[in-house]
Amino acid sequence: FDLETSSLEAIGAGFVICAVVKPLDGKPVIFRYDSYGCSPAKETKMIRALVEELGGYDILIAHNGERFDWNYVKTRALVLGIPITKRPILYDTLKAFRRCGFLSRPNGFGKPSASLAMVVDLLGIQNIKTAIYPEEHWKTIWETDRSKRKTAIDNLVDHCVKDVVMTEEVFAVLFERDTNLSLRRTR
């Protein structure tokens, strides 16, 4: 699964614009705040549906899901008064990449980058990642022309779907190489 958000903090200006959950070898299930009739930072219906969907899986796979995606969903659920009753196990492909000890191009801190783009490149997976800039995120919220706002959300959803597809491919390559496997139930 993957999220796209309005901001990195899950309170104040931060909320979930869209999320994609893809069963292994299945079709993506798309959640977008406009489809649920939600307004910015009041995405209760969407988060409720997303939490229910995520709760239907025993294991979740996400890239940087342990540090970001799951915690973001959990925080938005708390802020919006939505209980999370099921705690799936989370397999984080970013952490798996690091556990495997692969070296990629150094990031800004001198450590091998484990960004999804770098991971797919190193593993020889076709990179279908699109570049989404902050302006595109802003258009999904503040664009006054409804048609242009819908197009911006469509682009963000497409980006999110592609990230989920690549994460599934990364999982398929890394899981067999992850000899120091780490699976934890979400908190």
N, C-alpha and C. Protein backbone atom coordinates (compact mmCIF):
# COMPACT_ATOMS: atom_id res chain seq x y z
N PHE A 1 0.85 -1.19 0.00
CA PHE A 1 0.00 0.00 0.00
C PHE A 1 0.88 1.22 0.00
N ASP A 2 0.31 2.35 -0.38
CA ASP A 2 1.04 3.61 -0.44
C ASP A 2 0.04 4.74 -0.27
N LEU A 3 0.54 5.87 0.21
CA LEU A 3 -0.27 7.07 0.41
C LEU A 3 0.36 8.24 -0.31
N GLU A 4 -0.45 9.19 -0.63
CA GLU A 4 0.02 10.52 -1.03
C GLU A 4 -0.71 11.50 -0.13
N THR A 5 0.03 12.43 0.42
CA THR A 5 -0.50 13.33 1.43
C THR A 5 -0.29 14.79 1.05
N SER A 6 -1.01 15.65 1.74
CA SER A 6 -0.88 17.08 1.48
C SER A 6 0.36 17.67 2.13
N SER A 7 0.87 16.99 3.14
CA SER A 7 1.99 17.49 3.92
C SER A 7 2.58 16.32 4.69
N LEU A 8 3.83 16.45 5.12
CA LEU A 8 4.47 15.35 5.84
C LEU A 8 3.96 15.18 7.27
N GLU A 9 3.40 16.24 7.84
CA GLU A 9 2.83 16.07 9.18
C GLU A 9 1.37 15.65 9.01
N ALA A 10 0.92 14.78 9.88
CA ALA A 10 -0.43 14.22 9.76
C ALA A 10 -1.47 15.00 10.55
N ILE A 11 -1.11 16.18 10.99
CA ILE A 11 -2.05 17.07 11.69
C ILE A 11 -1.93 18.45 11.07
N GLY A 12 -2.81 19.33 11.41
CA GLY A 12 -2.75 20.68 10.84
C GLY A 12 -3.06 20.64 9.36
N ALA A 13 -2.07 20.97 8.54
CA ALA A 13 -2.25 21.01 7.09
C ALA A 13 -2.16 19.62 6.45
N GLY A 14 -1.78 18.62 7.24
CA GLY A 14 -1.56 17.30 6.67
C GLY A 14 -2.79 16.41 6.68
N PHE A 15 -3.07 15.81 5.53
CA PHE A 15 -4.14 14.82 5.42
C PHE A 15 -3.85 13.92 4.23
N VAL A 16 -4.57 12.81 4.12
CA VAL A 16 -4.37 11.87 3.03
C VAL A 16 -5.19 12.32 1.82
N ILE A 17 -4.50 12.53 0.71
CA ILE A 17 -5.16 12.89 -0.54
C ILE A 17 -5.64 11.62 -1.24
N CYS A 18 -4.76 10.62 -1.29
CA CYS A 18 -5.14 9.35 -1.90
C CYS A 18 -4.29 8.22 -1.32
N ALA A 19 -4.80 7.02 -1.46
CA ALA A 19 -4.09 5.82 -1.02
C ALA A 19 -4.42 4.72 -2.01
N VAL A 20 -3.48 3.79 -2.15
CA VAL A 20 -3.70 2.64 -3.01
C VAL A 20 -3.31 1.40 -2.23
N VAL A 21 -4.19 0.41 -2.24
CA VAL A 21 -3.94 -0.89 -1.64
C VAL A 21 -4.05 -1.90 -2.78
N LYS A 22 -3.01 -2.72 -2.93
CA LYS A 22 -3.01 -3.69 -4.03
C LYS A 22 -2.73 -5.08 -3.48
N PRO A 23 -3.72 -5.97 -3.54
CA PRO A 23 -3.44 -7.35 -3.16
C PRO A 23 -2.36 -7.93 -4.09
N LEU A 24 -1.50 -8.81 -3.58
CA LEU A 24 -0.48 -9.41 -4.44
C LEU A 24 -1.15 -10.03 -5.66
N ASP A 25 -0.63 -9.70 -6.82
CA ASP A 25 -1.14 -10.17 -8.11
C ASP A 25 -2.59 -9.75 -8.36
N GLY A 26 -3.10 -8.78 -7.61
CA GLY A 26 -4.47 -8.31 -7.78
C GLY A 26 -4.51 -6.91 -8.36
N LYS A 27 -5.70 -6.38 -8.45
CA LYS A 27 -5.90 -5.03 -8.98
C LYS A 27 -5.85 -4.02 -7.84
N PRO A 28 -5.31 -2.84 -8.12
CA PRO A 28 -5.25 -1.80 -7.10
C PRO A 28 -6.64 -1.33 -6.65
N VAL A 29 -6.77 -1.12 -5.35
CA VAL A 29 -7.97 -0.53 -4.77
C VAL A 29 -7.60 0.92 -4.45
N ILE A 30 -8.33 1.85 -5.01
CA ILE A 30 -7.96 3.27 -4.93
C ILE A 30 -8.89 4.01 -3.98
N PHE A 31 -8.27 4.82 -3.13
CA PHE A 31 -8.99 5.69 -2.20
C PHE A 31 -8.54 7.10 -2.50
N ARG A 32 -9.49 7.99 -2.76
CA ARG A 32 -9.16 9.39 -3.01
C ARG A 32 -10.20 10.26 -2.32
N TYR A 33 -9.71 11.29 -1.69
CA TYR A 33 -10.61 12.08 -0.83
C TYR A 33 -11.79 12.67 -1.60
N ASP A 34 -11.59 13.04 -2.86
CA ASP A 34 -12.70 13.63 -3.62
C ASP A 34 -13.78 12.60 -3.95
N SER A 35 -13.40 11.34 -4.14
CA SER A 35 -14.38 10.29 -4.45
C SER A 35 -15.29 9.98 -3.27
N TYR A 36 -14.80 10.28 -2.07
CA TYR A 36 -15.60 10.04 -0.86
C TYR A 36 -16.36 11.29 -0.42
N GLY A 37 -16.31 12.35 -1.23
CA GLY A 37 -17.00 13.58 -0.89
C GLY A 37 -16.38 14.29 0.30
N CYS A 38 -15.10 14.03 0.53
CA CYS A 38 -14.41 14.63 1.68
C CYS A 38 -13.83 15.99 1.30
N SER A 39 -13.65 16.83 2.28
CA SER A 39 -12.96 18.09 2.07
C SER A 39 -11.59 17.98 2.72
N PRO A 40 -10.67 18.87 2.36
CA PRO A 40 -9.32 18.79 2.91
C PRO A 40 -9.32 18.71 4.44
N ALA A 41 -8.52 17.77 4.94
CA ALA A 41 -8.33 17.52 6.38
C ALA A 41 -9.57 16.97 7.07
N LYS A 42 -10.57 16.64 6.31
CA LYS A 42 -11.80 16.04 6.85
C LYS A 42 -12.12 14.80 6.02
N GLU A 43 -11.11 13.93 5.89
CA GLU A 43 -11.24 12.75 5.03
C GLU A 43 -11.69 11.52 5.80
N THR A 44 -12.62 11.73 6.74
CA THR A 44 -13.09 10.67 7.64
C THR A 44 -13.62 9.46 6.88
N LYS A 45 -14.51 9.66 5.92
CA LYS A 45 -15.09 8.52 5.18
C LYS A 45 -14.00 7.72 4.48
N MET A 46 -13.05 8.40 3.88
CA MET A 46 -11.99 7.71 3.16
C MET A 46 -11.08 6.95 4.11
N ILE A 47 -10.69 7.57 5.21
CA ILE A 47 -9.80 6.90 6.17
C ILE A 47 -10.50 5.71 6.79
N ARG A 48 -11.78 5.84 7.08
CA ARG A 48 -12.54 4.70 7.62
C ARG A 48 -12.51 3.53 6.63
N ALA A 49 -12.75 3.81 5.36
CA ALA A 49 -12.73 2.76 4.33
C ALA A 49 -11.32 2.19 4.16
N LEU A 50 -10.30 3.04 4.21
CA LEU A 50 -8.91 2.59 4.08
C LEU A 50 -8.51 1.69 5.25
N VAL A 51 -8.86 2.10 6.47
CA VAL A 51 -8.54 1.30 7.66
C VAL A 51 -9.24 -0.06 7.57
N GLU A 52 -10.48 -0.06 7.11
CA GLU A 52 -11.20 -1.33 6.95
C GLU A 52 -10.51 -2.22 5.92
N GLU A 53 -10.09 -1.64 4.80
CA GLU A 53 -9.40 -2.41 3.76
C GLU A 53 -8.08 -2.96 4.27
N LEU A 54 -7.28 -2.13 4.92
CA LEU A 54 -5.98 -2.58 5.43
C LEU A 54 -6.16 -3.66 6.48
N GLY A 55 -7.22 -3.58 7.27
CA GLY A 55 -7.49 -4.57 8.30
C GLY A 55 -7.86 -5.94 7.74
N GLY A 56 -8.13 -6.00 6.45
CA GLY A 56 -8.48 -7.27 5.82
C GLY A 56 -7.29 -8.11 5.40
N TYR A 57 -6.09 -7.60 5.66
CA TYR A 57 -4.87 -8.32 5.27
C TYR A 57 -4.09 -8.71 6.51
N ASP A 58 -3.47 -9.88 6.46
CA ASP A 58 -2.60 -10.32 7.55
C ASP A 58 -1.25 -9.63 7.47
N ILE A 59 -0.78 -9.38 6.24
CA ILE A 59 0.52 -8.75 6.03
C ILE A 59 0.36 -7.59 5.05
N LEU A 60 0.93 -6.46 5.41
CA LEU A 60 0.98 -5.29 4.54
C LEU A 60 2.41 -5.14 4.04
N ILE A 61 2.56 -4.71 2.81
CA ILE A 61 3.87 -4.45 2.22
C ILE A 61 3.88 -3.00 1.78
N ALA A 62 4.90 -2.27 2.20
CA ALA A 62 5.00 -0.86 1.82
C ALA A 62 6.47 -0.46 1.79
N HIS A 63 6.79 0.53 1.00
CA HIS A 63 8.14 1.07 0.96
C HIS A 63 8.18 2.29 1.87
N ASN A 64 8.92 2.20 2.94
CA ASN A 64 8.97 3.20 4.00
C ASN A 64 7.65 3.25 4.77
N GLY A 65 6.94 2.14 4.75
CA GLY A 65 5.65 2.05 5.40
C GLY A 65 5.72 2.07 6.91
N GLU A 66 6.84 1.58 7.45
CA GLU A 66 6.96 1.54 8.91
C GLU A 66 7.17 2.94 9.49
N ARG A 67 7.95 3.74 8.82
CA ARG A 67 8.23 5.09 9.34
C ARG A 67 7.18 6.10 8.92
N PHE A 68 6.57 5.89 7.74
CA PHE A 68 5.68 6.93 7.25
C PHE A 68 4.24 6.46 7.05
N ASP A 69 3.99 5.63 6.07
CA ASP A 69 2.61 5.34 5.63
C ASP A 69 1.71 4.84 6.76
N TRP A 70 2.15 3.79 7.47
CA TRP A 70 1.30 3.25 8.53
C TRP A 70 1.08 4.30 9.63
N ASN A 71 2.15 4.97 10.04
CA ASN A 71 2.02 5.98 11.10
C ASN A 71 1.11 7.14 10.68
N TYR A 72 1.15 7.48 9.41
CA TYR A 72 0.29 8.56 8.91
C TYR A 72 -1.17 8.14 8.98
N VAL A 73 -1.46 6.93 8.52
CA VAL A 73 -2.84 6.43 8.59
C VAL A 73 -3.29 6.37 10.03
N LYS A 74 -2.43 5.84 10.89
CA LYS A 74 -2.75 5.70 12.31
C LYS A 74 -3.03 7.08 12.94
N THR A 75 -2.24 8.06 12.60
CA THR A 75 -2.42 9.40 13.16
C THR A 75 -3.71 10.04 12.64
N ARG A 76 -3.95 9.93 11.34
CA ARG A 76 -5.18 10.50 10.79
C ARG A 76 -6.40 9.82 11.41
N ALA A 77 -6.33 8.51 11.60
CA ALA A 77 -7.45 7.79 12.22
C ALA A 77 -7.69 8.32 13.63
N LEU A 78 -6.65 8.53 14.39
CA LEU A 78 -6.78 9.06 15.75
C LEU A 78 -7.41 10.45 15.72
N VAL A 79 -6.88 11.33 14.87
CA VAL A 79 -7.38 12.70 14.77
C VAL A 79 -8.86 12.71 14.38
N LEU A 80 -9.25 11.80 13.51
CA LEU A 80 -10.62 11.77 12.99
C LEU A 80 -11.55 10.87 13.81
N GLY A 81 -11.03 10.28 14.89
CA GLY A 81 -11.86 9.45 15.77
C GLY A 81 -12.24 8.10 15.20
N ILE A 82 -11.36 7.53 14.38
CA ILE A 82 -11.63 6.24 13.75
C ILE A 82 -10.79 5.17 14.46
N PRO A 83 -11.42 4.17 15.05
CA PRO A 83 -10.64 3.13 15.73
C PRO A 83 -9.95 2.20 14.73
N ILE A 84 -8.76 1.78 15.10
CA ILE A 84 -8.06 0.75 14.34
C ILE A 84 -8.04 -0.48 15.23
N THR A 85 -8.80 -1.48 14.85
CA THR A 85 -8.94 -2.66 15.71
C THR A 85 -8.06 -3.82 15.28
N LYS A 86 -7.62 -3.83 14.02
CA LYS A 86 -6.76 -4.91 13.54
C LYS A 86 -5.36 -4.39 13.33
N ARG A 87 -4.39 -5.21 13.68
CA ARG A 87 -2.99 -4.82 13.56
C ARG A 87 -2.26 -5.81 12.66
N PRO A 88 -2.26 -5.55 11.35
CA PRO A 88 -1.56 -6.46 10.43
C PRO A 88 -0.05 -6.42 10.67
N ILE A 89 0.65 -7.38 10.12
CA ILE A 89 2.11 -7.40 10.12
C ILE A 89 2.56 -6.54 8.95
N LEU A 90 3.62 -5.77 9.15
CA LEU A 90 4.11 -4.87 8.10
C LEU A 90 5.49 -5.31 7.64
N TYR A 91 5.64 -5.52 6.34
CA TYR A 91 6.94 -5.80 5.73
C TYR A 91 7.33 -4.56 4.95
N ASP A 92 8.40 -3.90 5.40
CA ASP A 92 8.84 -2.64 4.82
C ASP A 92 9.99 -2.92 3.84
N THR A 93 9.75 -2.69 2.54
CA THR A 93 10.78 -2.99 1.55
C THR A 93 11.98 -2.04 1.64
N LEU A 94 11.79 -0.84 2.16
CA LEU A 94 12.93 0.06 2.37
C LEU A 94 13.87 -0.55 3.41
N LYS A 95 13.33 -1.00 4.52
CA LYS A 95 14.16 -1.62 5.55
C LYS A 95 14.75 -2.94 5.06
N ALA A 96 13.99 -3.69 4.28
CA ALA A 96 14.49 -4.95 3.73
C ALA A 96 15.69 -4.70 2.82
N PHE A 97 15.60 -3.66 2.00
CA PHE A 97 16.71 -3.30 1.11
C PHE A 97 17.96 -3.02 1.93
N ARG A 98 17.80 -2.27 3.00
CA ARG A 98 18.95 -1.96 3.86
C ARG A 98 19.48 -3.20 4.57
N ARG A 99 18.57 -4.08 5.04
CA ARG A 99 19.01 -5.32 5.70
C ARG A 99 19.81 -6.21 4.75
N CYS A 100 19.46 -6.18 3.48
CA CYS A 100 20.16 -7.02 2.50
C CYS A 100 21.57 -6.51 2.23
N GLY A 101 21.85 -5.27 2.61
CA GLY A 101 23.20 -4.73 2.49
C GLY A 101 23.60 -4.29 1.10
N PHE A 102 22.63 -4.04 0.23
CA PHE A 102 22.96 -3.56 -1.11
C PHE A 102 23.44 -2.11 -1.04
N LEU A 103 24.33 -1.77 -1.95
CA LEU A 103 24.85 -0.41 -2.00
C LEU A 103 24.34 0.26 -3.26
N SER A 104 23.79 1.42 -3.11
CA SER A 104 23.31 2.22 -4.23
C SER A 104 24.01 3.57 -4.16
N ARG A 105 23.58 4.46 -4.99
CA ARG A 105 24.14 5.82 -4.98
C ARG A 105 23.94 6.43 -3.60
N PRO A 106 24.96 7.09 -3.07
CA PRO A 106 24.80 7.71 -1.74
C PRO A 106 23.74 8.80 -1.73
N ASN A 107 23.01 8.85 -0.60
CA ASN A 107 22.04 9.93 -0.42
C ASN A 107 22.76 11.15 0.13
N GLY A 108 22.05 12.17 0.53
CA GLY A 108 22.66 13.40 1.04
C GLY A 108 23.41 13.23 2.35
N PHE A 109 23.23 12.08 3.02
CA PHE A 109 23.91 11.82 4.29
C PHE A 109 25.07 10.85 4.12
N GLY A 110 25.43 10.52 2.86
CA GLY A 110 26.55 9.63 2.59
C GLY A 110 26.24 8.15 2.72
N LYS A 111 24.97 7.82 2.97
CA LYS A 111 24.57 6.41 3.07
C LYS A 111 23.93 6.00 1.76
N PRO A 112 23.91 4.70 1.46
CA PRO A 112 23.25 4.27 0.23
C PRO A 112 21.77 4.66 0.22
N SER A 113 21.33 5.24 -0.87
CA SER A 113 19.93 5.65 -0.98
C SER A 113 19.05 4.41 -1.07
N ALA A 114 17.98 4.42 -0.32
CA ALA A 114 17.00 3.34 -0.37
C ALA A 114 15.66 3.87 -0.89
N SER A 115 15.71 4.98 -1.63
CA SER A 115 14.48 5.49 -2.23
C SER A 115 13.96 4.45 -3.21
N LEU A 116 12.67 4.45 -3.43
CA LEU A 116 12.08 3.46 -4.32
C LEU A 116 12.71 3.53 -5.71
N ALA A 117 12.97 4.73 -6.21
CA ALA A 117 13.58 4.88 -7.53
C ALA A 117 14.96 4.23 -7.58
N MET A 118 15.77 4.43 -6.55
CA MET A 118 17.11 3.83 -6.50
C MET A 118 17.04 2.31 -6.35
N VAL A 119 16.10 1.83 -5.56
CA VAL A 119 15.97 0.39 -5.32
C VAL A 119 15.57 -0.32 -6.61
N VAL A 120 14.55 0.19 -7.31
CA VAL A 120 14.13 -0.47 -8.54
C VAL A 120 15.24 -0.43 -9.59
N ASP A 121 15.97 0.67 -9.64
CA ASP A 121 17.08 0.79 -10.58
C ASP A 121 18.14 -0.28 -10.30
N LEU A 122 18.53 -0.39 -9.05
CA LEU A 122 19.56 -1.37 -8.67
C LEU A 122 19.09 -2.81 -8.93
N LEU A 123 17.84 -3.09 -8.65
CA LEU A 123 17.32 -4.45 -8.79
C LEU A 123 16.95 -4.80 -10.22
N GLY A 124 17.06 -3.85 -11.14
CA GLY A 124 16.77 -4.11 -12.54
C GLY A 124 15.28 -4.18 -12.85
N ILE A 125 14.48 -3.55 -12.03
CA ILE A 125 13.03 -3.49 -12.24
C ILE A 125 12.74 -2.25 -13.07
N GLN A 126 11.80 -2.38 -14.00
CA GLN A 126 11.45 -1.23 -14.83
C GLN A 126 10.93 -0.10 -13.94
N ASN A 127 11.56 1.05 -14.06
CA ASN A 127 11.15 2.21 -13.25
C ASN A 127 10.02 2.93 -13.97
N ILE A 128 8.82 2.81 -13.42
CA ILE A 128 7.66 3.49 -13.99
C ILE A 128 7.26 4.69 -13.12
N LYS A 129 8.14 5.03 -12.17
CA LYS A 129 7.86 6.11 -11.23
C LYS A 129 7.72 7.43 -11.97
N THR A 130 6.74 8.20 -11.59
CA THR A 130 6.54 9.52 -12.17
C THR A 130 7.02 10.56 -11.16
N ALA A 131 7.41 11.70 -11.67
CA ALA A 131 7.83 12.80 -10.80
C ALA A 131 6.60 13.64 -10.48
N ILE A 132 6.33 13.79 -9.21
CA ILE A 132 5.22 14.65 -8.76
C ILE A 132 5.84 15.74 -7.89
N TYR A 133 5.62 16.96 -8.28
CA TYR A 133 6.21 18.08 -7.57
C TYR A 133 5.19 18.69 -6.61
N PRO A 134 5.63 19.45 -5.63
CA PRO A 134 4.70 20.03 -4.65
C PRO A 134 3.53 20.77 -5.30
N GLU A 135 3.76 21.45 -6.39
CA GLU A 135 2.68 22.19 -7.04
C GLU A 135 1.52 21.25 -7.40
N GLU A 136 1.84 20.03 -7.83
CA GLU A 136 0.80 19.06 -8.19
C GLU A 136 -0.04 18.70 -6.96
N HIS A 137 0.63 18.51 -5.81
CA HIS A 137 -0.11 18.24 -4.57
C HIS A 137 -1.02 19.42 -4.23
N TRP A 138 -0.51 20.62 -4.37
CA TRP A 138 -1.31 21.80 -4.04
C TRP A 138 -2.54 21.90 -4.93
N LYS A 139 -2.37 21.57 -6.22
CA LYS A 139 -3.50 21.64 -7.15
C LYS A 139 -4.61 20.67 -6.75
N THR A 140 -4.24 19.57 -6.12
CA THR A 140 -5.27 18.59 -5.72
C THR A 140 -6.18 19.16 -4.63
N ILE A 141 -5.75 20.23 -4.00
CA ILE A 141 -6.51 20.82 -2.90
C ILE A 141 -7.03 22.21 -3.27
N TRP A 142 -6.15 23.05 -3.80
CA TRP A 142 -6.46 24.47 -3.93
C TRP A 142 -6.87 24.90 -5.33
N GLU A 143 -6.72 24.06 -6.32
CA GLU A 143 -7.12 24.45 -7.68
C GLU A 143 -8.61 24.77 -7.71
N THR A 144 -8.95 25.96 -8.19
CA THR A 144 -10.35 26.37 -8.19
C THR A 144 -11.13 25.78 -9.36
N ASP A 145 -10.45 25.50 -10.46
CA ASP A 145 -11.10 24.87 -11.61
C ASP A 145 -11.25 23.38 -11.31
N ARG A 146 -12.49 22.91 -11.16
CA ARG A 146 -12.76 21.51 -10.78
C ARG A 146 -12.11 20.50 -11.73
N SER A 147 -12.13 20.80 -13.00
CA SER A 147 -11.56 19.91 -13.99
C SER A 147 -10.04 19.78 -13.79
N LYS A 148 -9.38 20.90 -13.55
CA LYS A 148 -7.94 20.88 -13.32
C LYS A 148 -7.60 20.19 -11.99
N ARG A 149 -8.45 20.40 -10.98
CA ARG A 149 -8.22 19.73 -9.69
C ARG A 149 -8.37 18.22 -9.85
N LYS A 150 -9.38 17.79 -10.59
CA LYS A 150 -9.58 16.35 -10.84
C LYS A 150 -8.38 15.78 -11.59
N THR A 151 -7.88 16.49 -12.58
CA THR A 151 -6.71 16.04 -13.34
C THR A 151 -5.50 15.91 -12.41
N ALA A 152 -5.33 16.86 -11.51
CA ALA A 152 -4.20 16.81 -10.57
C ALA A 152 -4.32 15.59 -9.66
N ILE A 153 -5.53 15.31 -9.18
CA ILE A 153 -5.74 14.13 -8.32
C ILE A 153 -5.53 12.85 -9.14
N ASP A 154 -6.04 12.84 -10.38
CA ASP A 154 -5.81 11.68 -11.25
C ASP A 154 -4.32 11.40 -11.40
N ASN A 155 -3.53 12.46 -11.61
CA ASN A 155 -2.08 12.29 -11.76
C ASN A 155 -1.44 11.75 -10.48
N LEU A 156 -1.89 12.25 -9.34
CA LEU A 156 -1.36 11.79 -8.06
C LEU A 156 -1.73 10.33 -7.81
N VAL A 157 -2.95 9.95 -8.15
CA VAL A 157 -3.38 8.55 -8.00
C VAL A 157 -2.54 7.66 -8.91
N ASP A 158 -2.33 8.08 -10.15
CA ASP A 158 -1.51 7.31 -11.09
C ASP A 158 -0.10 7.10 -10.53
N HIS A 159 0.46 8.14 -9.96
CA HIS A 159 1.78 8.08 -9.32
C HIS A 159 1.78 7.05 -8.18
N CYS A 160 0.75 7.09 -7.37
CA CYS A 160 0.62 6.19 -6.22
C CYS A 160 0.45 4.74 -6.68
N VAL A 161 -0.35 4.51 -7.70
CA VAL A 161 -0.54 3.16 -8.24
C VAL A 161 0.80 2.61 -8.74
N LYS A 162 1.54 3.43 -9.46
CA LYS A 162 2.84 2.99 -9.98
C LYS A 162 3.80 2.65 -8.85
N ASP A 163 3.79 3.44 -7.79
CA ASP A 163 4.64 3.13 -6.63
C ASP A 163 4.27 1.78 -6.02
N VAL A 164 2.98 1.49 -5.93
CA VAL A 164 2.54 0.22 -5.35
C VAL A 164 2.93 -0.95 -6.25
N VAL A 165 2.79 -0.78 -7.55
CA VAL A 165 3.18 -1.83 -8.50
C VAL A 165 4.67 -2.12 -8.37
N MET A 166 5.48 -1.07 -8.31
CA MET A 166 6.94 -1.28 -8.19
C MET A 166 7.29 -1.88 -6.83
N THR A 167 6.60 -1.47 -5.77
CA THR A 167 6.86 -2.03 -4.45
C THR A 167 6.58 -3.52 -4.44
N GLU A 168 5.53 -3.95 -5.12
CA GLU A 168 5.24 -5.39 -5.22
C GLU A 168 6.39 -6.12 -5.92
N GLU A 169 6.92 -5.53 -6.97
CA GLU A 169 8.04 -6.15 -7.69
C GLU A 169 9.30 -6.17 -6.82
N VAL A 170 9.54 -5.09 -6.08
CA VAL A 170 10.69 -5.05 -5.16
C VAL A 170 10.55 -6.14 -4.11
N PHE A 171 9.36 -6.28 -3.55
CA PHE A 171 9.11 -7.33 -2.56
C PHE A 171 9.46 -8.71 -3.13
N ALA A 172 9.04 -8.98 -4.36
CA ALA A 172 9.29 -10.28 -4.97
C ALA A 172 10.78 -10.59 -5.08
N VAL A 173 11.59 -9.56 -5.32
CA VAL A 173 13.04 -9.76 -5.44
C VAL A 173 13.70 -9.82 -4.06
N LEU A 174 13.32 -8.92 -3.17
CA LEU A 174 14.01 -8.82 -1.87
C LEU A 174 13.63 -9.91 -0.88
N PHE A 175 12.40 -10.35 -0.89
CA PHE A 175 11.93 -11.27 0.16
C PHE A 175 12.80 -12.52 0.24
N GLU A 176 13.18 -13.08 -0.89
CA GLU A 176 14.01 -14.29 -0.87
C GLU A 176 15.45 -13.99 -0.46
N ARG A 177 15.88 -12.76 -0.58
CA ARG A 177 17.25 -12.39 -0.21
C ARG A 177 17.35 -11.83 1.21
N ASP A 178 16.24 -11.60 1.83
CA ASP A 178 16.18 -10.97 3.15
C ASP A 178 16.41 -12.03 4.23
N THR A 179 17.68 -12.31 4.49
CA THR A 179 18.02 -13.39 5.43
C THR A 179 17.89 -12.96 6.89
N ASN A 180 17.75 -11.69 7.12
CA ASN A 180 17.55 -11.18 8.48
C ASN A 180 16.14 -10.61 8.57
N LEU A 181 15.21 -11.41 8.10
CA LEU A 181 13.81 -11.01 7.97
C LEU A 181 13.26 -10.38 9.25
N SER A 182 12.52 -9.29 9.05
CA SER A 182 11.92 -8.60 10.18
C SER A 182 10.45 -8.36 9.88
N LEU A 183 9.60 -9.07 10.59
CA LEU A 183 8.17 -8.85 10.47
C LEU A 183 7.63 -8.45 11.83
N ARG A 184 6.92 -7.34 11.88
CA ARG A 184 6.35 -6.88 13.15
C ARG A 184 4.90 -6.52 12.94
N ARG A 185 4.12 -6.81 13.96
CA ARG A 185 2.74 -6.38 13.94
C ARG A 185 2.73 -4.86 14.08
N THR A 186 1.87 -4.21 13.33
CA THR A 186 1.80 -2.76 13.40
C THR A 186 1.34 -2.33 14.80
N ARG A 187 1.78 -1.17 15.21
CA ARG A 187 1.38 -0.64 16.51
C ARG A 187 0.25 0.31 16.36
